[in-house]
Amino acid sequence: MANEQRIEKLKELIAKDPTDSFSQYALALEYNGINEPLTAIEILEELLKRDENYLPAYQQLGQMLGKLNKTQEAKQIYRKGMDLAVIQNDEKTAKEIREELEEIEDEW
């Protein structure tokens, strides 16, 4: 299925259930995959406003912001994600986010 078809299908799913965090997350990844990172970032930011406990969004949003050299914003998102991962007892994700945060801090 082409990216555009997946995007349309995800939009349909979100229209049926605007609280579907996974579909919004997947939609952001699709937009990022077609080199529309600003749209992807906007979707993830909206997702986190509505569902601040959706852990995967923090890691992806941090990565996207980092690639756009929005370092301070990326650091803030990574820190929030790391805190949430600890609260959710998700040691693997906490470790991954910590490593990404350290990498971005080393660069700047």
PDB file of N, CA and C in Angstrom:
ATOM      1  N   MET A   1       0.845  -1.179   0.000  1.00  0.00           N
ATOM      2  CA  MET A   1       0.000   0.000   0.000  1.00  0.00           C
ATOM      3  C   MET A   1       0.890   1.242   0.000  1.00  0.00           C
ATOM      4  N   ALA A   2       0.631   2.158  -0.870  1.00  0.00           N
ATOM      5  CA  ALA A   2       1.431   3.378  -0.968  1.00  0.00           C
ATOM      6  C   ALA A   2       1.180   4.278   0.242  1.00  0.00           C
ATOM      7  N   ASN A   3       2.166   5.126   0.509  1.00  0.00           N
ATOM      8  CA  ASN A   3       2.056   6.028   1.661  1.00  0.00           C
ATOM      9  C   ASN A   3       0.757   6.829   1.639  1.00  0.00           C
ATOM     10  N   GLU A   4       0.377   7.344   0.462  1.00  0.00           N
ATOM     11  CA  GLU A   4      -0.821   8.169   0.372  1.00  0.00           C
ATOM     12  C   GLU A   4      -2.066   7.365   0.768  1.00  0.00           C
ATOM     13  N   GLN A   5      -2.107   6.098   0.361  1.00  0.00           N
ATOM     14  CA  GLN A   5      -3.236   5.252   0.717  1.00  0.00           C
ATOM     15  C   GLN A   5      -3.271   4.988   2.221  1.00  0.00           C
ATOM     16  N   ARG A   6      -2.101   4.743   2.799  1.00  0.00           N
ATOM     17  CA  ARG A   6      -2.040   4.529   4.250  1.00  0.00           C
ATOM     18  C   ARG A   6      -2.465   5.791   4.989  1.00  0.00           C
ATOM     19  N   ILE A   7      -2.026   6.931   4.490  1.00  0.00           N
ATOM     20  CA  ILE A   7      -2.397   8.203   5.117  1.00  0.00           C
ATOM     21  C   ILE A   7      -3.911   8.380   5.088  1.00  0.00           C
ATOM     22  N   GLU A   8      -4.517   8.113   3.945  1.00  0.00           N
ATOM     23  CA  GLU A   8      -5.975   8.258   3.832  1.00  0.00           C
ATOM     24  C   GLU A   8      -6.700   7.287   4.747  1.00  0.00           C
ATOM     25  N   LYS A   9      -6.234   6.044   4.817  1.00  0.00           N
ATOM     26  CA  LYS A   9      -6.844   5.043   5.694  1.00  0.00           C
ATOM     27  C   LYS A   9      -6.725   5.468   7.155  1.00  0.00           C
ATOM     28  N   LEU A  10      -5.566   5.965   7.537  1.00  0.00           N
ATOM     29  CA  LEU A  10      -5.379   6.419   8.922  1.00  0.00           C
ATOM     30  C   LEU A  10      -6.274   7.613   9.235  1.00  0.00           C
ATOM     31  N   LYS A  11      -6.408   8.519   8.283  1.00  0.00           N
ATOM     32  CA  LYS A  11      -7.302   9.671   8.485  1.00  0.00           C
ATOM     33  C   LYS A  11      -8.744   9.212   8.680  1.00  0.00           C
ATOM     34  N   GLU A  12      -9.143   8.189   7.936  1.00  0.00           N
ATOM     35  CA  GLU A  12     -10.491   7.636   8.097  1.00  0.00           C
ATOM     36  C   GLU A  12     -10.671   7.055   9.495  1.00  0.00           C
ATOM     37  N   LEU A  13      -9.671   6.314   9.952  1.00  0.00           N
ATOM     38  CA  LEU A  13      -9.740   5.723  11.288  1.00  0.00           C
ATOM     39  C   LEU A  13      -9.824   6.810  12.361  1.00  0.00           C
ATOM     40  N   ILE A  14      -9.052   7.862  12.187  1.00  0.00           N
ATOM     41  CA  ILE A  14      -9.049   8.957  13.165  1.00  0.00           C
ATOM     42  C   ILE A  14     -10.378   9.704  13.128  1.00  0.00           C
ATOM     43  N   ALA A  15     -10.964   9.856  11.950  1.00  0.00           N
ATOM     44  CA  ALA A  15     -12.271  10.513  11.845  1.00  0.00           C
ATOM     45  C   ALA A  15     -13.333   9.717  12.608  1.00  0.00           C
ATOM     46  N   LYS A  16     -13.217   8.388  12.570  1.00  0.00           N
ATOM     47  CA  LYS A  16     -14.162   7.535  13.300  1.00  0.00           C
ATOM     48  C   LYS A  16     -13.910   7.579  14.805  1.00  0.00           C
ATOM     49  N   ASP A  17     -12.648   7.702  15.183  1.00  0.00           N
ATOM     50  CA  ASP A  17     -12.277   7.725  16.600  1.00  0.00           C
ATOM     51  C   ASP A  17     -11.128   8.704  16.815  1.00  0.00           C
ATOM     52  N   PRO A  18     -11.449   9.967  17.080  1.00  0.00           N
ATOM     53  CA  PRO A  18     -10.411  10.993  17.271  1.00  0.00           C
ATOM     54  C   PRO A  18      -9.499  10.744  18.473  1.00  0.00           C
ATOM     55  N   THR A  19      -9.863   9.806  19.338  1.00  0.00           N
ATOM     56  CA  THR A  19      -9.034   9.509  20.505  1.00  0.00           C
ATOM     57  C   THR A  19      -8.096   8.330  20.258  1.00  0.00           C
ATOM     58  N   ASP A  20      -8.034   7.844  19.028  1.00  0.00           N
ATOM     59  CA  ASP A  20      -7.195   6.702  18.673  1.00  0.00           C
ATOM     60  C   ASP A  20      -5.737   7.152  18.575  1.00  0.00           C
ATOM     61  N   SER A  21      -5.030   7.033  19.678  1.00  0.00           N
ATOM     62  CA  SER A  21      -3.644   7.507  19.737  1.00  0.00           C
ATOM     63  C   SER A  21      -2.733   6.748  18.783  1.00  0.00           C
ATOM     64  N   PHE A  22      -2.940   5.432  18.661  1.00  0.00           N
ATOM     65  CA  PHE A  22      -2.068   4.667  17.773  1.00  0.00           C
ATOM     66  C   PHE A  22      -2.196   5.139  16.330  1.00  0.00           C
ATOM     67  N   SER A  23      -3.417   5.379  15.875  1.00  0.00           N
ATOM     68  CA  SER A  23      -3.606   5.827  14.489  1.00  0.00           C
ATOM     69  C   SER A  23      -2.986   7.200  14.265  1.00  0.00           C
ATOM     70  N   GLN A  24      -3.087   8.075  15.249  1.00  0.00           N
ATOM     71  CA  GLN A  24      -2.455   9.396  15.115  1.00  0.00           C
ATOM     72  C   GLN A  24      -0.937   9.256  15.076  1.00  0.00           C
ATOM     73  N   TYR A  25      -0.409   8.392  15.904  1.00  0.00           N
ATOM     74  CA  TYR A  25       1.026   8.128  15.922  1.00  0.00           C
ATOM     75  C   TYR A  25       1.470   7.577  14.565  1.00  0.00           C
ATOM     76  N   ALA A  26       0.734   6.602  14.063  1.00  0.00           N
ATOM     77  CA  ALA A  26       1.061   6.001  12.767  1.00  0.00           C
ATOM     78  C   ALA A  26       0.967   7.028  11.643  1.00  0.00           C
ATOM     79  N   LEU A  27      -0.016   7.911  11.723  1.00  0.00           N
ATOM     80  CA  LEU A  27      -0.163   8.965  10.714  1.00  0.00           C
ATOM     81  C   LEU A  27       1.066   9.878  10.722  1.00  0.00           C
ATOM     82  N   ALA A  28       1.528  10.235  11.899  1.00  0.00           N
ATOM     83  CA  ALA A  28       2.730  11.078  11.999  1.00  0.00           C
ATOM     84  C   ALA A  28       3.931  10.385  11.368  1.00  0.00           C
ATOM     85  N   LEU A  29       4.071   9.086  11.618  1.00  0.00           N
ATOM     86  CA  LEU A  29       5.188   8.344  11.035  1.00  0.00           C
ATOM     87  C   LEU A  29       5.090   8.303   9.513  1.00  0.00           C
ATOM     88  N   GLU A  30       3.893   8.176   8.997  1.00  0.00           N
ATOM     89  CA  GLU A  30       3.707   8.176   7.542  1.00  0.00           C
ATOM     90  C   GLU A  30       4.114   9.522   6.946  1.00  0.00           C
ATOM     91  N   TYR A  31       3.690  10.609   7.585  1.00  0.00           N
ATOM     92  CA  TYR A  31       4.080  11.930   7.083  1.00  0.00           C
ATOM     93  C   TYR A  31       5.594  12.127   7.159  1.00  0.00           C
ATOM     94  N   ASN A  32       6.186  11.661   8.226  1.00  0.00           N
ATOM     95  CA  ASN A  32       7.637  11.763   8.338  1.00  0.00           C
ATOM     96  C   ASN A  32       8.309  10.949   7.233  1.00  0.00           C
ATOM     97  N   GLY A  33       7.707   9.817   6.909  1.00  0.00           N
ATOM     98  CA  GLY A  33       8.250   8.941   5.875  1.00  0.00           C
ATOM     99  C   GLY A  33       8.192   9.526   4.470  1.00  0.00           C
ATOM    100  N   ILE A  34       7.287  10.474   4.251  1.00  0.00           N
ATOM    101  CA  ILE A  34       7.228  11.127   2.937  1.00  0.00           C
ATOM    102  C   ILE A  34       7.859  12.512   2.997  1.00  0.00           C
ATOM    103  N   ASN A  35       8.739  12.678   3.974  1.00  0.00           N
ATOM    104  CA  ASN A  35       9.515  13.909   4.127  1.00  0.00           C
ATOM    105  C   ASN A  35       8.658  15.143   4.390  1.00  0.00           C
ATOM    106  N   GLU A  36       7.681  14.965   5.263  1.00  0.00           N
ATOM    107  CA  GLU A  36       6.879  16.089   5.744  1.00  0.00           C
ATOM    108  C   GLU A  36       6.977  16.125   7.272  1.00  0.00           C
ATOM    109  N   PRO A  37       8.194  16.394   7.783  1.00  0.00           N
ATOM    110  CA  PRO A  37       8.392  16.321   9.235  1.00  0.00           C
ATOM    111  C   PRO A  37       7.597  17.359  10.016  1.00  0.00           C
ATOM    112  N   LEU A  38       7.340  18.516   9.445  1.00  0.00           N
ATOM    113  CA  LEU A  38       6.581  19.533  10.186  1.00  0.00           C
ATOM    114  C   LEU A  38       5.151  19.079  10.435  1.00  0.00           C
ATOM    115  N   THR A  39       4.559  18.421   9.441  1.00  0.00           N
ATOM    116  CA  THR A  39       3.219  17.870   9.628  1.00  0.00           C
ATOM    117  C   THR A  39       3.260  16.764  10.673  1.00  0.00           C
ATOM    118  N   ALA A  40       4.271  15.913  10.601  1.00  0.00           N
ATOM    119  CA  ALA A  40       4.422  14.828  11.559  1.00  0.00           C
ATOM    120  C   ALA A  40       4.571  15.366  12.982  1.00  0.00           C
ATOM    121  N   ILE A  41       5.382  16.392  13.135  1.00  0.00           N
ATOM    122  CA  ILE A  41       5.594  17.003  14.454  1.00  0.00           C
ATOM    123  C   ILE A  41       4.289  17.584  14.985  1.00  0.00           C
ATOM    124  N   GLU A  42       3.564  18.259  14.141  1.00  0.00           N
ATOM    125  CA  GLU A  42       2.283  18.849  14.554  1.00  0.00           C
ATOM    126  C   GLU A  42       1.314  17.766  15.043  1.00  0.00           C
ATOM    127  N   ILE A  43       1.256  16.648  14.333  1.00  0.00           N
ATOM    128  CA  ILE A  43       0.373  15.550  14.726  1.00  0.00           C
ATOM    129  C   ILE A  43       0.798  14.977  16.079  1.00  0.00           C
ATOM    130  N   LEU A  44       2.094  14.772  16.263  1.00  0.00           N
ATOM    131  CA  LEU A  44       2.570  14.222  17.537  1.00  0.00           C
ATOM    132  C   LEU A  44       2.343  15.196  18.691  1.00  0.00           C
ATOM    133  N   GLU A  45       2.539  16.479  18.444  1.00  0.00           N
ATOM    134  CA  GLU A  45       2.294  17.461  19.506  1.00  0.00           C
ATOM    135  C   GLU A  45       0.823  17.469  19.901  1.00  0.00           C
ATOM    136  N   GLU A  46      -0.064  17.390  18.919  1.00  0.00           N
ATOM    137  CA  GLU A  46      -1.499  17.332  19.220  1.00  0.00           C
ATOM    138  C   GLU A  46      -1.843  16.045  19.973  1.00  0.00           C
ATOM    139  N   LEU A  47      -1.249  14.952  19.552  1.00  0.00           N
ATOM    140  CA  LEU A  47      -1.467  13.678  20.226  1.00  0.00           C
ATOM    141  C   LEU A  47      -1.080  13.780  21.698  1.00  0.00           C
ATOM    142  N   LEU A  48       0.087  14.357  21.972  1.00  0.00           N
ATOM    143  CA  LEU A  48       0.550  14.442  23.355  1.00  0.00           C
ATOM    144  C   LEU A  48      -0.250  15.439  24.184  1.00  0.00           C
ATOM    145  N   LYS A  49      -0.846  16.424  23.553  1.00  0.00           N
ATOM    146  CA  LYS A  49      -1.748  17.325  24.289  1.00  0.00           C
ATOM    147  C   LYS A  49      -2.971  16.557  24.773  1.00  0.00           C
ATOM    148  N   ARG A  50      -3.439  15.625  23.942  1.00  0.00           N
ATOM    149  CA  ARG A  50      -4.639  14.861  24.270  1.00  0.00           C
ATOM    150  C   ARG A  50      -4.318  13.631  25.122  1.00  0.00           C
ATOM    151  N   ASP A  51      -3.200  12.996  24.845  1.00  0.00           N
ATOM    152  CA  ASP A  51      -2.843  11.749  25.533  1.00  0.00           C
ATOM    153  C   ASP A  51      -1.377  11.829  25.965  1.00  0.00           C
ATOM    154  N   GLU A  52      -1.143  12.475  27.077  1.00  0.00           N
ATOM    155  CA  GLU A  52       0.236  12.702  27.526  1.00  0.00           C
ATOM    156  C   GLU A  52       0.938  11.425  27.979  1.00  0.00           C
ATOM    157  N   ASN A  53       0.227  10.315  28.059  1.00  0.00           N
ATOM    158  CA  ASN A  53       0.825   9.047  28.478  1.00  0.00           C
ATOM    159  C   ASN A  53       1.180   8.133  27.316  1.00  0.00           C
ATOM    160  N   TYR A  54       1.083   8.632  26.079  1.00  0.00           N
ATOM    161  CA  TYR A  54       1.407   7.797  24.916  1.00  0.00           C
ATOM    162  C   TYR A  54       2.909   7.860  24.668  1.00  0.00           C
ATOM    163  N   LEU A  55       3.607   6.973  25.336  1.00  0.00           N
ATOM    164  CA  LEU A  55       5.069   6.990  25.403  1.00  0.00           C
ATOM    165  C   LEU A  55       5.788   6.982  24.049  1.00  0.00           C
ATOM    166  N   PRO A  56       5.381   6.165  23.071  1.00  0.00           N
ATOM    167  CA  PRO A  56       6.142   6.141  21.810  1.00  0.00           C
ATOM    168  C   PRO A  56       6.234   7.502  21.114  1.00  0.00           C
ATOM    169  N   ALA A  57       5.251   8.343  21.331  1.00  0.00           N
ATOM    170  CA  ALA A  57       5.243   9.655  20.669  1.00  0.00           C
ATOM    171  C   ALA A  57       6.400  10.532  21.131  1.00  0.00           C
ATOM    172  N   TYR A  58       6.801  10.401  22.380  1.00  0.00           N
ATOM    173  CA  TYR A  58       7.892  11.233  22.894  1.00  0.00           C
ATOM    174  C   TYR A  58       9.206  10.929  22.171  1.00  0.00           C
ATOM    175  N   GLN A  59       9.485   9.660  22.009  1.00  0.00           N
ATOM    176  CA  GLN A  59      10.746   9.278  21.378  1.00  0.00           C
ATOM    177  C   GLN A  59      10.770   9.735  19.914  1.00  0.00           C
ATOM    178  N   GLN A  60       9.691   9.499  19.188  1.00  0.00           N
ATOM    179  CA  GLN A  60       9.643   9.903  17.784  1.00  0.00           C
ATOM    180  C   GLN A  60       9.689  11.422  17.639  1.00  0.00           C
ATOM    181  N   LEU A  61       8.954  12.113  18.486  1.00  0.00           N
ATOM    182  CA  LEU A  61       8.940  13.578  18.417  1.00  0.00           C
ATOM    183  C   LEU A  61      10.320  14.140  18.716  1.00  0.00           C
ATOM    184  N   GLY A  62      10.997  13.578  19.710  1.00  0.00           N
ATOM    185  CA  GLY A  62      12.355  14.012  20.023  1.00  0.00           C
ATOM    186  C   GLY A  62      13.296  13.817  18.840  1.00  0.00           C
ATOM    187  N   GLN A  63      13.178  12.674  18.182  1.00  0.00           N
ATOM    188  CA  GLN A  63      14.027  12.403  17.025  1.00  0.00           C
ATOM    189  C   GLN A  63      13.755  13.401  15.900  1.00  0.00           C
ATOM    190  N   MET A  64      12.487  13.650  15.635  1.00  0.00           N
ATOM    191  CA  MET A  64      12.123  14.569  14.549  1.00  0.00           C
ATOM    192  C   MET A  64      12.618  15.982  14.841  1.00  0.00           C
ATOM    193  N   LEU A  65      12.431  16.428  16.072  1.00  0.00           N
ATOM    194  CA  LEU A  65      12.893  17.767  16.440  1.00  0.00           C
ATOM    195  C   LEU A  65      14.410  17.861  16.341  1.00  0.00           C
ATOM    196  N   GLY A  66      15.091  16.810  16.781  1.00  0.00           N
ATOM    197  CA  GLY A  66      16.543  16.788  16.702  1.00  0.00           C
ATOM    198  C   GLY A  66      17.043  16.895  15.268  1.00  0.00           C
ATOM    199  N   LYS A  67      16.395  16.197  14.353  1.00  0.00           N
ATOM    200  CA  LYS A  67      16.806  16.248  12.944  1.00  0.00           C
ATOM    201  C   LYS A  67      16.611  17.636  12.345  1.00  0.00           C
ATOM    202  N   LEU A  68      15.672  18.396  12.908  1.00  0.00           N
ATOM    203  CA  LEU A  68      15.439  19.759  12.425  1.00  0.00           C
ATOM    204  C   LEU A  68      16.256  20.785  13.214  1.00  0.00           C
ATOM    205  N   ASN A  69      17.213  20.300  14.007  1.00  0.00           N
ATOM    206  CA  ASN A  69      18.075  21.145  14.837  1.00  0.00           C
ATOM    207  C   ASN A  69      17.303  21.981  15.854  1.00  0.00           C
ATOM    208  N   LYS A  70      16.160  21.462  16.284  1.00  0.00           N
ATOM    209  CA  LYS A  70      15.397  22.104  17.358  1.00  0.00           C
ATOM    210  C   LYS A  70      15.809  21.399  18.656  1.00  0.00           C
ATOM    211  N   THR A  71      17.069  21.614  19.002  1.00  0.00           N
ATOM    212  CA  THR A  71      17.714  20.853  20.060  1.00  0.00           C
ATOM    213  C   THR A  71      17.067  21.039  21.421  1.00  0.00           C
ATOM    214  N   GLN A  72      16.785  22.272  21.795  1.00  0.00           N
ATOM    215  CA  GLN A  72      16.198  22.509  23.113  1.00  0.00           C
ATOM    216  C   GLN A  72      14.829  21.854  23.237  1.00  0.00           C
ATOM    217  N   GLU A  73      14.030  21.961  22.179  1.00  0.00           N
ATOM    218  CA  GLU A  73      12.713  21.324  22.194  1.00  0.00           C
ATOM    219  C   GLU A  73      12.859  19.809  22.272  1.00  0.00           C
ATOM    220  N   ALA A  74      13.800  19.266  21.518  1.00  0.00           N
ATOM    221  CA  ALA A  74      14.029  17.822  21.532  1.00  0.00           C
ATOM    222  C   ALA A  74      14.424  17.360  22.935  1.00  0.00           C
ATOM    223  N   LYS A  75      15.320  18.099  23.581  1.00  0.00           N
ATOM    224  CA  LYS A  75      15.752  17.743  24.936  1.00  0.00           C
ATOM    225  C   LYS A  75      14.568  17.719  25.902  1.00  0.00           C
ATOM    226  N   GLN A  76      13.706  18.722  25.810  1.00  0.00           N
ATOM    227  CA  GLN A  76      12.542  18.783  26.703  1.00  0.00           C
ATOM    228  C   GLN A  76      11.630  17.578  26.490  1.00  0.00           C
ATOM    229  N   ILE A  77      11.394  17.244  25.232  1.00  0.00           N
ATOM    230  CA  ILE A  77      10.529  16.106  24.924  1.00  0.00           C
ATOM    231  C   ILE A  77      11.170  14.805  25.403  1.00  0.00           C
ATOM    232  N   TYR A  78      12.460  14.647  25.145  1.00  0.00           N
ATOM    233  CA  TYR A  78      13.147  13.435  25.613  1.00  0.00           C
ATOM    234  C   TYR A  78      13.058  13.314  27.132  1.00  0.00           C
ATOM    235  N   ARG A  79      13.256  14.407  27.852  1.00  0.00           N
ATOM    236  CA  ARG A  79      13.193  14.354  29.322  1.00  0.00           C
ATOM    237  C   ARG A  79      11.798  13.960  29.807  1.00  0.00           C
ATOM    238  N   LYS A  80      10.772  14.540  29.186  1.00  0.00           N
ATOM    239  CA  LYS A  80       9.394  14.173  29.556  1.00  0.00           C
ATOM    240  C   LYS A  80       9.150  12.695  29.271  1.00  0.00           C
ATOM    241  N   GLY A  81       9.627  12.240  28.113  1.00  0.00           N
ATOM    242  CA  GLY A  81       9.454  10.839  27.754  1.00  0.00           C
ATOM    243  C   GLY A  81      10.190   9.909  28.691  1.00  0.00           C
ATOM    244  N   MET A  82      11.389  10.295  29.084  1.00  0.00           N
ATOM    245  CA  MET A  82      12.168   9.478  30.000  1.00  0.00           C
ATOM    246  C   MET A  82      11.460   9.397  31.359  1.00  0.00           C
ATOM    247  N   ASP A  83      10.961  10.522  31.843  1.00  0.00           N
ATOM    248  CA  ASP A  83      10.226  10.523  33.117  1.00  0.00           C
ATOM    249  C   ASP A  83       8.994   9.609  33.036  1.00  0.00           C
ATOM    250  N   LEU A  84       8.268   9.707  31.929  1.00  0.00           N
ATOM    251  CA  LEU A  84       7.074   8.882  31.749  1.00  0.00           C
ATOM    252  C   LEU A  84       7.448   7.402  31.666  1.00  0.00           C
ATOM    253  N   ALA A  85       8.525   7.080  30.975  1.00  0.00           N
ATOM    254  CA  ALA A  85       8.959   5.685  30.864  1.00  0.00           C
ATOM    255  C   ALA A  85       9.283   5.112  32.247  1.00  0.00           C
ATOM    256  N   VAL A  86       9.911   5.915  33.095  1.00  0.00           N
ATOM    257  CA  VAL A  86      10.216   5.473  34.457  1.00  0.00           C
ATOM    258  C   VAL A  86       8.919   5.230  35.230  1.00  0.00           C
ATOM    259  N   ILE A  87       7.974   6.157  35.120  1.00  0.00           N
ATOM    260  CA  ILE A  87       6.678   6.012  35.797  1.00  0.00           C
ATOM    261  C   ILE A  87       5.962   4.752  35.318  1.00  0.00           C
ATOM    262  N   GLN A  88       6.062   4.479  34.014  1.00  0.00           N
ATOM    263  CA  GLN A  88       5.383   3.314  33.440  1.00  0.00           C
ATOM    264  C   GLN A  88       6.198   2.024  33.572  1.00  0.00           C
ATOM    265  N   ASN A  89       7.337   2.108  34.260  1.00  0.00           N
ATOM    266  CA  ASN A  89       8.222   0.949  34.446  1.00  0.00           C
ATOM    267  C   ASN A  89       8.665   0.337  33.122  1.00  0.00           C
ATOM    268  N   ASP A  90       8.892   1.178  32.138  1.00  0.00           N
ATOM    269  CA  ASP A  90       9.354   0.725  30.823  1.00  0.00           C
ATOM    270  C   ASP A  90      10.846   1.027  30.739  1.00  0.00           C
ATOM    271  N   GLU A  91      11.639   0.126  31.309  1.00  0.00           N
ATOM    272  CA  GLU A  91      13.080   0.348  31.404  1.00  0.00           C
ATOM    273  C   GLU A  91      13.749   0.410  30.030  1.00  0.00           C
ATOM    274  N   LYS A  92      13.279  -0.398  29.102  1.00  0.00           N
ATOM    275  CA  LYS A  92      13.878  -0.430  27.758  1.00  0.00           C
ATOM    276  C   LYS A  92      13.712   0.929  27.074  1.00  0.00           C
ATOM    277  N   THR A  93      12.505   1.460  27.097  1.00  0.00           N
ATOM    278  CA  THR A  93      12.270   2.757  26.453  1.00  0.00           C
ATOM    279  C   THR A  93      12.997   3.865  27.200  1.00  0.00           C
ATOM    280  N   ALA A  94      13.016   3.809  28.512  1.00  0.00           N
ATOM    281  CA  ALA A  94      13.736   4.822  29.289  1.00  0.00           C
ATOM    282  C   ALA A  94      15.211   4.830  28.897  1.00  0.00           C
ATOM    283  N   LYS A  95      15.783   3.647  28.737  1.00  0.00           N
ATOM    284  CA  LYS A  95      17.191   3.539  28.347  1.00  0.00           C
ATOM    285  C   LYS A  95      17.407   4.098  26.938  1.00  0.00           C
ATOM    286  N   GLU A  96      16.529   3.746  26.014  1.00  0.00           N
ATOM    287  CA  GLU A  96      16.657   4.239  24.635  1.00  0.00           C
ATOM    288  C   GLU A  96      16.567   5.770  24.589  1.00  0.00           C
ATOM    289  N   ILE A  97      15.590   6.312  25.302  1.00  0.00           N
ATOM    290  CA  ILE A  97      15.419   7.768  25.306  1.00  0.00           C
ATOM    291  C   ILE A  97      16.625   8.433  25.971  1.00  0.00           C
ATOM    292  N   ARG A  98      17.094   7.863  27.069  1.00  0.00           N
ATOM    293  CA  ARG A  98      18.261   8.423  27.754  1.00  0.00           C
ATOM    294  C   ARG A  98      19.463   8.466  26.807  1.00  0.00           C
ATOM    295  N   GLU A  99      19.666   7.392  26.051  1.00  0.00           N
ATOM    296  CA  GLU A  99      20.780   7.350  25.105  1.00  0.00           C
ATOM    297  C   GLU A  99      20.626   8.415  24.015  1.00  0.00           C
ATOM    298  N   GLU A 100      19.412   8.597  23.529  1.00  0.00           N
ATOM    299  CA  GLU A 100      19.179   9.619  22.506  1.00  0.00           C
ATOM    300  C   GLU A 100      19.385  11.016  23.081  1.00  0.00           C
ATOM    301  N   LEU A 101      18.953  11.216  24.312  1.00  0.00           N
ATOM    302  CA  LEU A 101      19.147  12.506  24.973  1.00  0.00           C
ATOM    303  C   LEU A 101      20.633  12.772  25.168  1.00  0.00           C
ATOM    304  N   GLU A 102      21.377  11.781  25.627  1.00  0.00           N
ATOM    305  CA  GLU A 102      22.819  11.956  25.815  1.00  0.00           C
ATOM    306  C   GLU A 102      23.507  12.268  24.490  1.00  0.00           C
ATOM    307  N   GLU A 103      23.063  11.613  23.435  1.00  0.00           N
ATOM    308  CA  GLU A 103      23.661  11.853  22.122  1.00  0.00           C
ATOM    309  C   GLU A 103      23.425  13.293  21.668  1.00  0.00           C
ATOM    310  N   ILE A 104      22.221  13.787  21.859  1.00  0.00           N
ATOM    311  CA  ILE A 104      21.919  15.152  21.428  1.00  0.00           C
ATOM    312  C   ILE A 104      22.635  16.158  22.332  1.00  0.00           C
ATOM    313  N   GLU A 105      22.807  15.826  23.613  1.00  0.00           N
ATOM    314  CA  GLU A 105      23.530  16.730  24.509  1.00  0.00           C
ATOM    315  C   GLU A 105      25.019  16.766  24.175  1.00  0.00           C
ATOM    316  N   ASP A 106      25.561  15.639  23.734  1.00  0.00           N
ATOM    317  CA  ASP A 106      26.974  15.602  23.334  1.00  0.00           C
ATOM    318  C   ASP A 106      27.225  16.437  22.100  1.00  0.00           C
ATOM    319  N   GLU A 107      26.238  16.488  21.205  1.00  0.00           N
ATOM    320  CA  GLU A 107      26.394  17.251  19.976  1.00  0.00           C
ATOM    321  C   GLU A 107      26.368  18.757  20.227  1.00  0.00           C
ATOM    322  N   TRP A 108      25.668  19.151  21.267  1.00  0.00           N
ATOM    323  CA  TRP A 108      25.492  20.576  21.533  1.00  0.00           C
ATOM    324  C   TRP A 108      26.099  20.871  22.868  1.00  0.00           C
TER     325      TRP A 108
END
